[in-house]
All heavy atoms as atom14 arrays in JSON, in Angstrom:
{
  "sequence": "NPVHKKIPVLLHHGKAISESLLILEYIDETWKDNPLMPEDPYNRAMAR",
  "atom14_mask": [
    [1, 1, 1, 1, 1, 1, 1, 1, 0, 0, 0, 0, 0, 0],
    [1, 1, 1, 1, 1, 1, 1, 0, 0, 0, 0, 0, 0, 0],
    [1, 1, 1, 1, 1, 1, 1, 0, 0, 0, 0, 0, 0, 0],
    [1, 1, 1, 1, 1, 1, 1, 1, 1, 1, 0, 0, 0, 0],
    [1, 1, 1, 1, 1, 1, 1, 1, 1, 0, 0, 0, 0, 0],
    [1, 1, 1, 1, 1, 1, 1, 1, 1, 0, 0, 0, 0, 0],
    [1, 1, 1, 1, 1, 1, 1, 1, 0, 0, 0, 0, 0, 0],
    [1, 1, 1, 1, 1, 1, 1, 0, 0, 0, 0, 0, 0, 0],
    [1, 1, 1, 1, 1, 1, 1, 0, 0, 0, 0, 0, 0, 0],
    [1, 1, 1, 1, 1, 1, 1, 1, 0, 0, 0, 0, 0, 0],
    [1, 1, 1, 1, 1, 1, 1, 1, 0, 0, 0, 0, 0, 0],
    [1, 1, 1, 1, 1, 1, 1, 1, 1, 1, 0, 0, 0, 0],
    [1, 1, 1, 1, 1, 1, 1, 1, 1, 1, 0, 0, 0, 0],
    [1, 1, 1, 1, 0, 0, 0, 0, 0, 0, 0, 0, 0, 0],
    [1, 1, 1, 1, 1, 1, 1, 1, 1, 0, 0, 0, 0, 0],
    [1, 1, 1, 1, 1, 0, 0, 0, 0, 0, 0, 0, 0, 0],
    [1, 1, 1, 1, 1, 1, 1, 1, 0, 0, 0, 0, 0, 0],
    [1, 1, 1, 1, 1, 1, 0, 0, 0, 0, 0, 0, 0, 0],
    [1, 1, 1, 1, 1, 1, 1, 1, 1, 0, 0, 0, 0, 0],
    [1, 1, 1, 1, 1, 1, 0, 0, 0, 0, 0, 0, 0, 0],
    [1, 1, 1, 1, 1, 1, 1, 1, 0, 0, 0, 0, 0, 0],
    [1, 1, 1, 1, 1, 1, 1, 1, 0, 0, 0, 0, 0, 0],
    [1, 1, 1, 1, 1, 1, 1, 1, 0, 0, 0, 0, 0, 0],
    [1, 1, 1, 1, 1, 1, 1, 1, 0, 0, 0, 0, 0, 0],
    [1, 1, 1, 1, 1, 1, 1, 1, 1, 0, 0, 0, 0, 0],
    [1, 1, 1, 1, 1, 1, 1, 1, 1, 1, 1, 1, 0, 0],
    [1, 1, 1, 1, 1, 1, 1, 1, 0, 0, 0, 0, 0, 0],
    [1, 1, 1, 1, 1, 1, 1, 1, 0, 0, 0, 0, 0, 0],
    [1, 1, 1, 1, 1, 1, 1, 1, 1, 0, 0, 0, 0, 0],
    [1, 1, 1, 1, 1, 1, 1, 0, 0, 0, 0, 0, 0, 0],
    [1, 1, 1, 1, 1, 1, 1, 1, 1, 1, 1, 1, 1, 1],
    [1, 1, 1, 1, 1, 1, 1, 1, 1, 0, 0, 0, 0, 0],
    [1, 1, 1, 1, 1, 1, 1, 1, 0, 0, 0, 0, 0, 0],
    [1, 1, 1, 1, 1, 1, 1, 1, 0, 0, 0, 0, 0, 0],
    [1, 1, 1, 1, 1, 1, 1, 0, 0, 0, 0, 0, 0, 0],
    [1, 1, 1, 1, 1, 1, 1, 1, 0, 0, 0, 0, 0, 0],
    [1, 1, 1, 1, 1, 1, 1, 1, 0, 0, 0, 0, 0, 0],
    [1, 1, 1, 1, 1, 1, 1, 0, 0, 0, 0, 0, 0, 0],
    [1, 1, 1, 1, 1, 1, 1, 1, 1, 0, 0, 0, 0, 0],
    [1, 1, 1, 1, 1, 1, 1, 1, 0, 0, 0, 0, 0, 0],
    [1, 1, 1, 1, 1, 1, 1, 0, 0, 0, 0, 0, 0, 0],
    [1, 1, 1, 1, 1, 1, 1, 1, 1, 1, 1, 1, 0, 0],
    [1, 1, 1, 1, 1, 1, 1, 1, 0, 0, 0, 0, 0, 0],
    [1, 1, 1, 1, 1, 1, 1, 1, 1, 1, 1, 0, 0, 0],
    [1, 1, 1, 1, 1, 0, 0, 0, 0, 0, 0, 0, 0, 0],
    [1, 1, 1, 1, 1, 1, 1, 1, 0, 0, 0, 0, 0, 0],
    [1, 1, 1, 1, 1, 0, 0, 0, 0, 0, 0, 0, 0, 0],
    [1, 1, 1, 1, 1, 1, 1, 1, 1, 1, 1, 0, 0, 0]
  ],
  "atom14_positions": [
    [[-17.62, -25.19, 34.36], [-18.54, -26.0, 35.16], [-19.98, -25.71, 34.72], [-20.76, -25.09, 35.44], [-18.38, -25.68, 36.65], [-19.17, -26.61, 37.55], [-19.8, -27.56, 37.08], [-19.14, -26.35, 38.84], [0.0, 0.0, 0.0], [0.0, 0.0, 0.0], [0.0, 0.0, 0.0], [0.0, 0.0, 0.0], [0.0, 0.0, 0.0], [0.0, 0.0, 0.0]],
    [[-20.34, -26.15, 33.5], [-21.66, -25.82, 32.96], [-22.82, -26.53, 33.66], [-23.97, -26.12, 33.53], [-21.56, -26.29, 31.5], [-20.52, -27.38, 31.54], [-19.53, -26.96, 32.58], [0.0, 0.0, 0.0], [0.0, 0.0, 0.0], [0.0, 0.0, 0.0], [0.0, 0.0, 0.0], [0.0, 0.0, 0.0], [0.0, 0.0, 0.0], [0.0, 0.0, 0.0]],
    [[-22.53, -27.59, 34.41], [-23.6, -28.35, 35.06], [-24.08, -27.64, 36.32], [-25.25, -27.3, 36.46], [-23.12, -29.78, 35.41], [-24.23, -30.53, 36.18], [-22.75, -30.54, 34.15], [0.0, 0.0, 0.0], [0.0, 0.0, 0.0], [0.0, 0.0, 0.0], [0.0, 0.0, 0.0], [0.0, 0.0, 0.0], [0.0, 0.0, 0.0], [0.0, 0.0, 0.0]],
    [[-23.16, -27.39, 37.27], [-23.54, -26.77, 38.54], [-23.25, -25.27, 38.61], [-23.79, -24.57, 39.46], [-22.83, -27.47, 39.7], [-23.2, -28.92, 39.84], [-24.47, -29.33, 40.11], [-22.44, -30.04, 39.73], [-24.51, -30.65, 40.17], [-23.29, -31.12, 39.95], [0.0, 0.0, 0.0], [0.0, 0.0, 0.0], [0.0, 0.0, 0.0], [0.0, 0.0, 0.0]],
    [[-22.34, -24.82, 37.73], [-22.0, -23.39, 37.67], [-21.5, -22.87, 39.02], [-21.84, -21.77, 39.45], [-23.2, -22.57, 37.19], [-23.75, -23.0, 35.83], [-24.98, -22.19, 35.46], [-25.52, -22.6, 34.09], [-25.99, -23.99, 34.05], [0.0, 0.0, 0.0], [0.0, 0.0, 0.0], [0.0, 0.0, 0.0], [0.0, 0.0, 0.0], [0.0, 0.0, 0.0]],
    [[-20.72, -23.69, 39.72], [-20.25, -23.34, 41.05], [-18.73, -23.44, 41.13], [-18.08, -24.13, 40.33], [-20.86, -24.26, 42.11], [-22.37, -24.12, 42.28], [-22.87, -25.08, 43.35], [-24.37, -24.95, 43.57], [-24.86, -25.91, 44.6], [0.0, 0.0, 0.0], [0.0, 0.0, 0.0], [0.0, 0.0, 0.0], [0.0, 0.0, 0.0], [0.0, 0.0, 0.0]],
    [[-18.18, -22.74, 42.12], [-16.78, -22.87, 42.46], [-16.66, -23.91, 43.58], [-17.65, -24.2, 44.26], [-16.18, -21.52, 42.92], [-16.99, -20.97, 44.11], [-16.12, -20.54, 41.79], [-16.36, -19.78, 44.77], [0.0, 0.0, 0.0], [0.0, 0.0, 0.0], [0.0, 0.0, 0.0], [0.0, 0.0, 0.0], [0.0, 0.0, 0.0], [0.0, 0.0, 0.0]],
    [[-15.45, -24.49, 43.7], [-14.24, -24.25, 42.92], [-14.2, -25.13, 41.67], [-14.91, -26.13, 41.58], [-13.14, -24.65, 43.9], [-13.76, -25.79, 44.67], [-15.21, -25.4, 44.84], [0.0, 0.0, 0.0], [0.0, 0.0, 0.0], [0.0, 0.0, 0.0], [0.0, 0.0, 0.0], [0.0, 0.0, 0.0], [0.0, 0.0, 0.0], [0.0, 0.0, 0.0]],
    [[-13.35, -24.72, 40.76], [-13.02, -25.54, 39.6], [-11.51, -25.6, 39.51], [-10.83, -24.57, 39.61], [-13.6, -24.96, 38.3], [-13.15, -25.79, 37.1], [-15.12, -24.9, 38.36], [0.0, 0.0, 0.0], [0.0, 0.0, 0.0], [0.0, 0.0, 0.0], [0.0, 0.0, 0.0], [0.0, 0.0, 0.0], [0.0, 0.0, 0.0], [0.0, 0.0, 0.0]],
    [[-10.98, -26.79, 39.35], [-9.55, -26.97, 39.11], [-9.34, -27.15, 37.62], [-10.01, -27.96, 36.98], [-9.03, -28.2, 39.85], [-7.54, -28.49, 39.68], [-6.72, -27.55, 40.54], [-7.22, -29.95, 40.02], [0.0, 0.0, 0.0], [0.0, 0.0, 0.0], [0.0, 0.0, 0.0], [0.0, 0.0, 0.0], [0.0, 0.0, 0.0], [0.0, 0.0, 0.0]],
    [[-8.44, -26.35, 37.05], [-8.06, -26.49, 35.65], [-6.65, -27.06, 35.58], [-5.71, -26.46, 36.1], [-8.12, -25.14, 34.94], [-9.48, -24.44, 34.9], [-9.37, -23.04, 34.31], [-10.5, -25.27, 34.12], [0.0, 0.0, 0.0], [0.0, 0.0, 0.0], [0.0, 0.0, 0.0], [0.0, 0.0, 0.0], [0.0, 0.0, 0.0], [0.0, 0.0, 0.0]],
    [[-6.53, -28.23, 34.98], [-5.23, -28.89, 34.86], [-4.98, -29.19, 33.39], [-5.68, -29.98, 32.79], [-5.21, -30.18, 35.68], [-3.88, -30.86, 35.7], [-3.73, -32.22, 35.81], [-2.6, -30.34, 35.62], [-2.45, -32.52, 35.81], [-1.75, -31.4, 35.69], [0.0, 0.0, 0.0], [0.0, 0.0, 0.0], [0.0, 0.0, 0.0], [0.0, 0.0, 0.0]],
    [[-3.99, -28.49, 32.83], [-3.74, -28.58, 31.38], [-5.01, -28.28, 30.58], [-5.29, -28.92, 29.55], [-3.2, -29.96, 31.0], [-1.82, -30.24, 31.5], [-0.75, -29.42, 31.26], [-1.34, -31.27, 32.25], [0.33, -29.92, 31.82], [0.0, -31.03, 32.43], [0.0, 0.0, 0.0], [0.0, 0.0, 0.0], [0.0, 0.0, 0.0], [0.0, 0.0, 0.0]],
    [[-5.81, -27.33, 31.08], [-7.02, -26.92, 30.38], [-8.24, -27.79, 30.64], [-9.34, -27.43, 30.23], [0.0, 0.0, 0.0], [0.0, 0.0, 0.0], [0.0, 0.0, 0.0], [0.0, 0.0, 0.0], [0.0, 0.0, 0.0], [0.0, 0.0, 0.0], [0.0, 0.0, 0.0], [0.0, 0.0, 0.0], [0.0, 0.0, 0.0], [0.0, 0.0, 0.0]],
    [[-8.06, -28.91, 31.32], [-9.19, -29.78, 31.64], [-9.78, -29.37, 32.98], [-9.05, -29.14, 33.95], [-8.75, -31.24, 31.68], [-8.29, -31.77, 30.32], [-7.9, -33.23, 30.43], [-7.47, -33.78, 29.07], [-7.06, -35.21, 29.16], [0.0, 0.0, 0.0], [0.0, 0.0, 0.0], [0.0, 0.0, 0.0], [0.0, 0.0, 0.0], [0.0, 0.0, 0.0]],
    [[-11.11, -29.3, 33.04], [-11.79, -28.8, 34.24], [-12.29, -29.94, 35.12], [-12.88, -30.92, 34.62], [-12.96, -27.92, 33.84], [0.0, 0.0, 0.0], [0.0, 0.0, 0.0], [0.0, 0.0, 0.0], [0.0, 0.0, 0.0], [0.0, 0.0, 0.0], [0.0, 0.0, 0.0], [0.0, 0.0, 0.0], [0.0, 0.0, 0.0], [0.0, 0.0, 0.0]],
    [[-12.04, -29.82, 36.42], [-12.57, -30.75, 37.41], [-13.31, -29.92, 38.44], [-12.77, -28.95, 38.97], [-11.46, -31.57, 38.1], [-10.6, -32.31, 37.08], [-12.06, -32.56, 39.09], [-9.34, -31.61, 36.7], [0.0, 0.0, 0.0], [0.0, 0.0, 0.0], [0.0, 0.0, 0.0], [0.0, 0.0, 0.0], [0.0, 0.0, 0.0], [0.0, 0.0, 0.0]],
    [[-14.55, -30.28, 38.74], [-15.35, -29.53, 39.71], [-15.74, -30.42, 40.89], [-15.5, -31.63, 40.87], [-16.61, -28.97, 39.04], [-17.37, -30.01, 38.47], [0.0, 0.0, 0.0], [0.0, 0.0, 0.0], [0.0, 0.0, 0.0], [0.0, 0.0, 0.0], [0.0, 0.0, 0.0], [0.0, 0.0, 0.0], [0.0, 0.0, 0.0], [0.0, 0.0, 0.0]],
    [[-16.34, -29.81, 41.9], [-16.72, -30.44, 43.17], [-15.46, -30.66, 44.01], [-14.61, -31.49, 43.69], [-17.47, -31.75, 42.97], [-18.78, -31.62, 42.19], [-19.79, -30.74, 42.91], [-20.02, -30.93, 44.11], [-20.36, -29.86, 42.25], [0.0, 0.0, 0.0], [0.0, 0.0, 0.0], [0.0, 0.0, 0.0], [0.0, 0.0, 0.0], [0.0, 0.0, 0.0]],
    [[-15.39, -29.95, 45.12], [-14.14, -29.88, 45.89], [-13.64, -31.23, 46.39], [-12.43, -31.49, 46.35], [-14.3, -28.91, 47.06], [-15.26, -29.37, 47.99], [0.0, 0.0, 0.0], [0.0, 0.0, 0.0], [0.0, 0.0, 0.0], [0.0, 0.0, 0.0], [0.0, 0.0, 0.0], [0.0, 0.0, 0.0], [0.0, 0.0, 0.0], [0.0, 0.0, 0.0]],
    [[-14.53, -32.1, 46.84], [-14.07, -33.39, 47.34], [-13.51, -34.26, 46.21], [-12.53, -34.99, 46.4], [-15.21, -34.13, 48.05], [-15.72, -33.47, 49.34], [-16.87, -34.29, 49.92], [-14.6, -33.31, 50.36], [0.0, 0.0, 0.0], [0.0, 0.0, 0.0], [0.0, 0.0, 0.0], [0.0, 0.0, 0.0], [0.0, 0.0, 0.0], [0.0, 0.0, 0.0]],
    [[-14.12, -34.16, 45.03], [-13.58, -34.88, 43.88], [-12.24, -34.28, 43.45], [-11.33, -35.01, 43.04], [-14.57, -34.82, 42.71], [-15.91, -35.52, 42.92], [-16.8, -35.37, 41.69], [-15.7, -37.0, 43.24], [0.0, 0.0, 0.0], [0.0, 0.0, 0.0], [0.0, 0.0, 0.0], [0.0, 0.0, 0.0], [0.0, 0.0, 0.0], [0.0, 0.0, 0.0]],
    [[-12.12, -32.97, 43.56], [-10.85, -32.32, 43.23], [-9.74, -32.79, 44.16], [-8.61, -33.04, 43.72], [-11.0, -30.79, 43.29], [-11.96, -30.29, 42.21], [-9.64, -30.1, 43.1], [-12.3, -28.8, 42.31], [0.0, 0.0, 0.0], [0.0, 0.0, 0.0], [0.0, 0.0, 0.0], [0.0, 0.0, 0.0], [0.0, 0.0, 0.0], [0.0, 0.0, 0.0]],
    [[-10.06, -32.92, 45.45], [-9.05, -33.41, 46.39], [-8.54, -34.79, 45.98], [-7.33, -35.05, 46.03], [-9.63, -33.48, 47.8], [-10.01, -32.18, 48.49], [-10.44, -32.45, 49.93], [-8.88, -31.17, 48.48], [0.0, 0.0, 0.0], [0.0, 0.0, 0.0], [0.0, 0.0, 0.0], [0.0, 0.0, 0.0], [0.0, 0.0, 0.0], [0.0, 0.0, 0.0]],
    [[-9.44, -35.66, 45.59], [-9.02, -37.0, 45.16], [-8.22, -36.94, 43.87], [-7.23, -37.67, 43.71], [-10.24, -37.91, 45.01], [-10.92, -38.24, 46.32], [-11.74, -39.51, 46.27], [-11.22, -40.52, 45.74], [-12.89, -39.5, 46.73], [0.0, 0.0, 0.0], [0.0, 0.0, 0.0], [0.0, 0.0, 0.0], [0.0, 0.0, 0.0], [0.0, 0.0, 0.0]],
    [[-8.63, -36.08, 42.96], [-7.89, -35.93, 41.7], [-6.45, -35.46, 41.97], [-5.5, -35.99, 41.4], [-8.6, -34.93, 40.79], [-7.86, -34.67, 39.49], [-8.03, -35.51, 38.4], [-6.98, -33.6, 39.37], [-7.35, -35.28, 37.21], [-6.29, -33.36, 38.19], [-6.48, -34.21, 37.11], [-5.78, -33.98, 35.94], [0.0, 0.0, 0.0], [0.0, 0.0, 0.0]],
    [[-6.33, -34.47, 42.85], [-5.01, -33.96, 43.2], [-4.15, -35.07, 43.8], [-2.97, -35.23, 43.46], [-5.14, -32.78, 44.17], [-5.73, -31.56, 43.46], [-3.78, -32.41, 44.79], [-6.1, -30.41, 44.39], [0.0, 0.0, 0.0], [0.0, 0.0, 0.0], [0.0, 0.0, 0.0], [0.0, 0.0, 0.0], [0.0, 0.0, 0.0], [0.0, 0.0, 0.0]],
    [[-4.75, -35.85, 44.68], [-4.0, -36.9, 45.37], [-3.56, -37.99, 44.4], [-2.46, -38.55, 44.54], [-4.86, -37.5, 46.48], [-4.02, -38.22, 47.53], [-2.91, -37.74, 47.83], [-4.48, -39.24, 48.06], [0.0, 0.0, 0.0], [0.0, 0.0, 0.0], [0.0, 0.0, 0.0], [0.0, 0.0, 0.0], [0.0, 0.0, 0.0], [0.0, 0.0, 0.0]],
    [[-4.39, -38.31, 43.42], [-4.05, -39.35, 42.46], [-3.08, -38.86, 41.39], [-2.31, -39.65, 40.83], [-5.33, -39.87, 41.79], [-6.25, -40.62, 42.75], [-7.58, -40.98, 42.14], [-7.78, -40.69, 40.93], [-8.44, -41.54, 42.84], [0.0, 0.0, 0.0], [0.0, 0.0, 0.0], [0.0, 0.0, 0.0], [0.0, 0.0, 0.0], [0.0, 0.0, 0.0]],
    [[-3.09, -37.57, 41.13], [-2.23, -37.01, 40.09], [-0.82, -36.75, 40.6], [0.17, -37.01, 39.9], [-2.83, -35.7, 39.54], [-4.15, -35.97, 39.04], [-1.98, -35.13, 38.41], [0.0, 0.0, 0.0], [0.0, 0.0, 0.0], [0.0, 0.0, 0.0], [0.0, 0.0, 0.0], [0.0, 0.0, 0.0], [0.0, 0.0, 0.0], [0.0, 0.0, 0.0]],
    [[-0.72, -36.24, 41.82], [0.59, -35.94, 42.43], [0.74, -36.84, 43.65], [0.07, -36.66, 44.67], [0.67, -34.47, 42.81], [0.65, -33.57, 41.6], [1.71, -33.27, 40.79], [-0.47, -32.85, 41.07], [1.32, -32.4, 39.79], [-0.02, -32.13, 39.94], [-1.82, -32.73, 41.46], [-0.87, -31.31, 39.18], [-2.65, -31.94, 40.7], [-2.18, -31.23, 39.58]],
    [[1.62, -37.82, 43.55], [1.7, -38.9, 44.54], [2.4, -38.51, 45.84], [2.17, -39.15, 46.87], [2.43, -40.11, 43.92], [1.79, -40.65, 42.64], [0.38, -41.16, 42.9], [-0.21, -41.79, 41.64], [-1.59, -42.29, 41.85], [0.0, 0.0, 0.0], [0.0, 0.0, 0.0], [0.0, 0.0, 0.0], [0.0, 0.0, 0.0], [0.0, 0.0, 0.0]],
    [[3.26, -37.49, 45.81], [3.97, -37.11, 47.02], [3.01, -36.6, 48.09], [1.98, -36.0, 47.77], [5.01, -36.03, 46.72], [6.17, -36.55, 45.88], [6.35, -37.78, 45.85], [6.88, -35.73, 45.26], [0.0, 0.0, 0.0], [0.0, 0.0, 0.0], [0.0, 0.0, 0.0], [0.0, 0.0, 0.0], [0.0, 0.0, 0.0], [0.0, 0.0, 0.0]],
    [[3.36, -36.83, 49.34], [2.53, -36.38, 50.47], [1.08, -36.83, 50.3], [0.17, -36.01, 50.18], [2.59, -34.86, 50.62], [4.0, -34.35, 50.82], [4.8, -34.97, 51.52], [4.32, -33.22, 50.19], [0.0, 0.0, 0.0], [0.0, 0.0, 0.0], [0.0, 0.0, 0.0], [0.0, 0.0, 0.0], [0.0, 0.0, 0.0], [0.0, 0.0, 0.0]],
    [[0.85, -38.14, 50.28], [-0.51, -38.66, 50.04], [-1.52, -38.16, 51.06], [-1.22, -37.99, 52.24], [-0.33, -40.18, 50.13], [0.92, -40.37, 50.9], [1.8, -39.23, 50.57], [0.0, 0.0, 0.0], [0.0, 0.0, 0.0], [0.0, 0.0, 0.0], [0.0, 0.0, 0.0], [0.0, 0.0, 0.0], [0.0, 0.0, 0.0], [0.0, 0.0, 0.0]],
    [[-2.73, -37.92, 50.57], [-3.82, -37.43, 51.41], [-4.77, -38.55, 51.81], [-5.27, -38.57, 52.94], [-4.6, -36.34, 50.67], [-3.81, -35.09, 50.26], [-4.7, -34.18, 49.43], [-3.29, -34.35, 51.48], [0.0, 0.0, 0.0], [0.0, 0.0, 0.0], [0.0, 0.0, 0.0], [0.0, 0.0, 0.0], [0.0, 0.0, 0.0], [0.0, 0.0, 0.0]],
    [[-5.06, -39.45, 50.91], [-6.0, -40.54, 51.18], [-5.28, -41.69, 51.87], [-4.12, -41.97, 51.61], [-6.63, -41.04, 49.89], [-7.59, -40.06, 49.23], [-9.09, -39.78, 50.2], [-9.99, -41.3, 49.92], [0.0, 0.0, 0.0], [0.0, 0.0, 0.0], [0.0, 0.0, 0.0], [0.0, 0.0, 0.0], [0.0, 0.0, 0.0], [0.0, 0.0, 0.0]],
    [[-5.97, -42.4, 52.77], [-5.38, -43.59, 53.4], [-5.07, -44.67, 52.36], [-5.73, -44.75, 51.32], [-6.47, -44.06, 54.37], [-7.38, -42.89, 54.54], [-7.33, -42.13, 53.26], [0.0, 0.0, 0.0], [0.0, 0.0, 0.0], [0.0, 0.0, 0.0], [0.0, 0.0, 0.0], [0.0, 0.0, 0.0], [0.0, 0.0, 0.0], [0.0, 0.0, 0.0]],
    [[-4.09, -45.49, 52.66], [-3.75, -46.59, 51.75], [-4.78, -47.71, 51.82], [-5.14, -48.3, 50.81], [-2.37, -47.15, 52.08], [-1.21, -46.21, 51.76], [0.13, -46.87, 52.01], [0.16, -48.12, 52.18], [1.15, -46.16, 52.03], [0.0, 0.0, 0.0], [0.0, 0.0, 0.0], [0.0, 0.0, 0.0], [0.0, 0.0, 0.0], [0.0, 0.0, 0.0]],
    [[-5.25, -48.01, 53.01], [-6.18, -49.11, 53.2], [-7.54, -48.8, 52.57], [-8.11, -47.72, 52.81], [-6.36, -49.35, 54.7], [-7.33, -50.48, 54.98], [-6.94, -51.64, 54.82], [-8.49, -50.18, 55.35], [0.0, 0.0, 0.0], [0.0, 0.0, 0.0], [0.0, 0.0, 0.0], [0.0, 0.0, 0.0], [0.0, 0.0, 0.0], [0.0, 0.0, 0.0]],
    [[-8.1, -49.71, 51.76], [-9.38, -49.46, 51.08], [-10.53, -49.14, 52.04], [-11.36, -48.27, 51.74], [-9.64, -50.77, 50.32], [-8.29, -51.35, 50.1], [-7.49, -50.98, 51.32], [0.0, 0.0, 0.0], [0.0, 0.0, 0.0], [0.0, 0.0, 0.0], [0.0, 0.0, 0.0], [0.0, 0.0, 0.0], [0.0, 0.0, 0.0], [0.0, 0.0, 0.0]],
    [[-10.58, -49.84, 53.17], [-11.64, -49.56, 54.13], [-11.51, -48.15, 54.69], [-12.5, -47.41, 54.78], [-11.6, -50.57, 55.28], [-12.59, -50.25, 56.38], [-13.94, -50.57, 56.24], [-12.18, -49.6, 57.55], [-14.85, -50.26, 57.24], [-13.09, -49.29, 58.55], [-14.42, -49.62, 58.39], [-15.32, -49.3, 59.37], [0.0, 0.0, 0.0], [0.0, 0.0, 0.0]],
    [[-10.3, -47.76, 55.06], [-10.08, -46.42, 55.6], [-10.37, -45.34, 54.56], [-10.86, -44.27, 54.91], [-8.65, -46.3, 56.12], [-8.41, -47.12, 57.37], [-9.34, -47.43, 58.11], [-7.16, -47.49, 57.62], [0.0, 0.0, 0.0], [0.0, 0.0, 0.0], [0.0, 0.0, 0.0], [0.0, 0.0, 0.0], [0.0, 0.0, 0.0], [0.0, 0.0, 0.0]],
    [[-10.08, -45.63, 53.3], [-10.41, -44.67, 52.23], [-11.92, -44.51, 52.12], [-12.43, -43.4, 51.97], [-9.84, -45.15, 50.88], [-8.37, -44.91, 50.71], [-7.97, -44.88, 49.24], [-8.33, -46.09, 48.53], [-7.56, -47.17, 48.45], [-6.38, -47.19, 49.06], [-7.94, -48.24, 47.77], [0.0, 0.0, 0.0], [0.0, 0.0, 0.0], [0.0, 0.0, 0.0]],
    [[-12.63, -45.63, 52.18], [-14.09, -45.57, 52.1], [-14.67, -44.79, 53.27], [-15.6, -43.99, 53.1], [-14.67, -46.99, 52.07], [0.0, 0.0, 0.0], [0.0, 0.0, 0.0], [0.0, 0.0, 0.0], [0.0, 0.0, 0.0], [0.0, 0.0, 0.0], [0.0, 0.0, 0.0], [0.0, 0.0, 0.0], [0.0, 0.0, 0.0], [0.0, 0.0, 0.0]],
    [[-14.12, -44.99, 54.47], [-14.61, -44.27, 55.64], [-14.29, -42.78, 55.54], [-15.1, -41.94, 55.95], [-13.99, -44.85, 56.91], [-14.5, -46.23, 57.29], [-16.31, -46.24, 57.63], [-16.97, -46.78, 56.04], [0.0, 0.0, 0.0], [0.0, 0.0, 0.0], [0.0, 0.0, 0.0], [0.0, 0.0, 0.0], [0.0, 0.0, 0.0], [0.0, 0.0, 0.0]],
    [[-13.14, -42.44, 54.99], [-12.79, -41.03, 54.81], [-13.78, -40.36, 53.85], [-14.24, -39.24, 54.11], [-11.37, -40.9, 54.27], [0.0, 0.0, 0.0], [0.0, 0.0, 0.0], [0.0, 0.0, 0.0], [0.0, 0.0, 0.0], [0.0, 0.0, 0.0], [0.0, 0.0, 0.0], [0.0, 0.0, 0.0], [0.0, 0.0, 0.0], [0.0, 0.0, 0.0]],
    [[-14.14, -41.05, 52.78], [-15.12, -40.51, 51.84], [-16.49, -40.38, 52.5], [-17.2, -39.4, 52.28], [-15.22, -41.42, 50.61], [-13.97, -41.43, 49.73], [-14.23, -42.24, 48.47], [-13.06, -42.3, 47.62], [-12.3, -43.39, 47.47], [-12.61, -44.51, 48.11], [-11.25, -43.36, 46.66], [0.0, 0.0, 0.0], [0.0, 0.0, 0.0], [0.0, 0.0, 0.0]]
  ]
}
């Protein structure tokens, strides 16, 4: 995380993802079981 130099960082197959809220979305999009984000686009926007 050379930009912000902060935790947390998720490493997936050696690729780094930083910023916890972005990591949550990455996890949800990568592993589809037990979805975290709402299906409805409006509800997703409100959650963000």
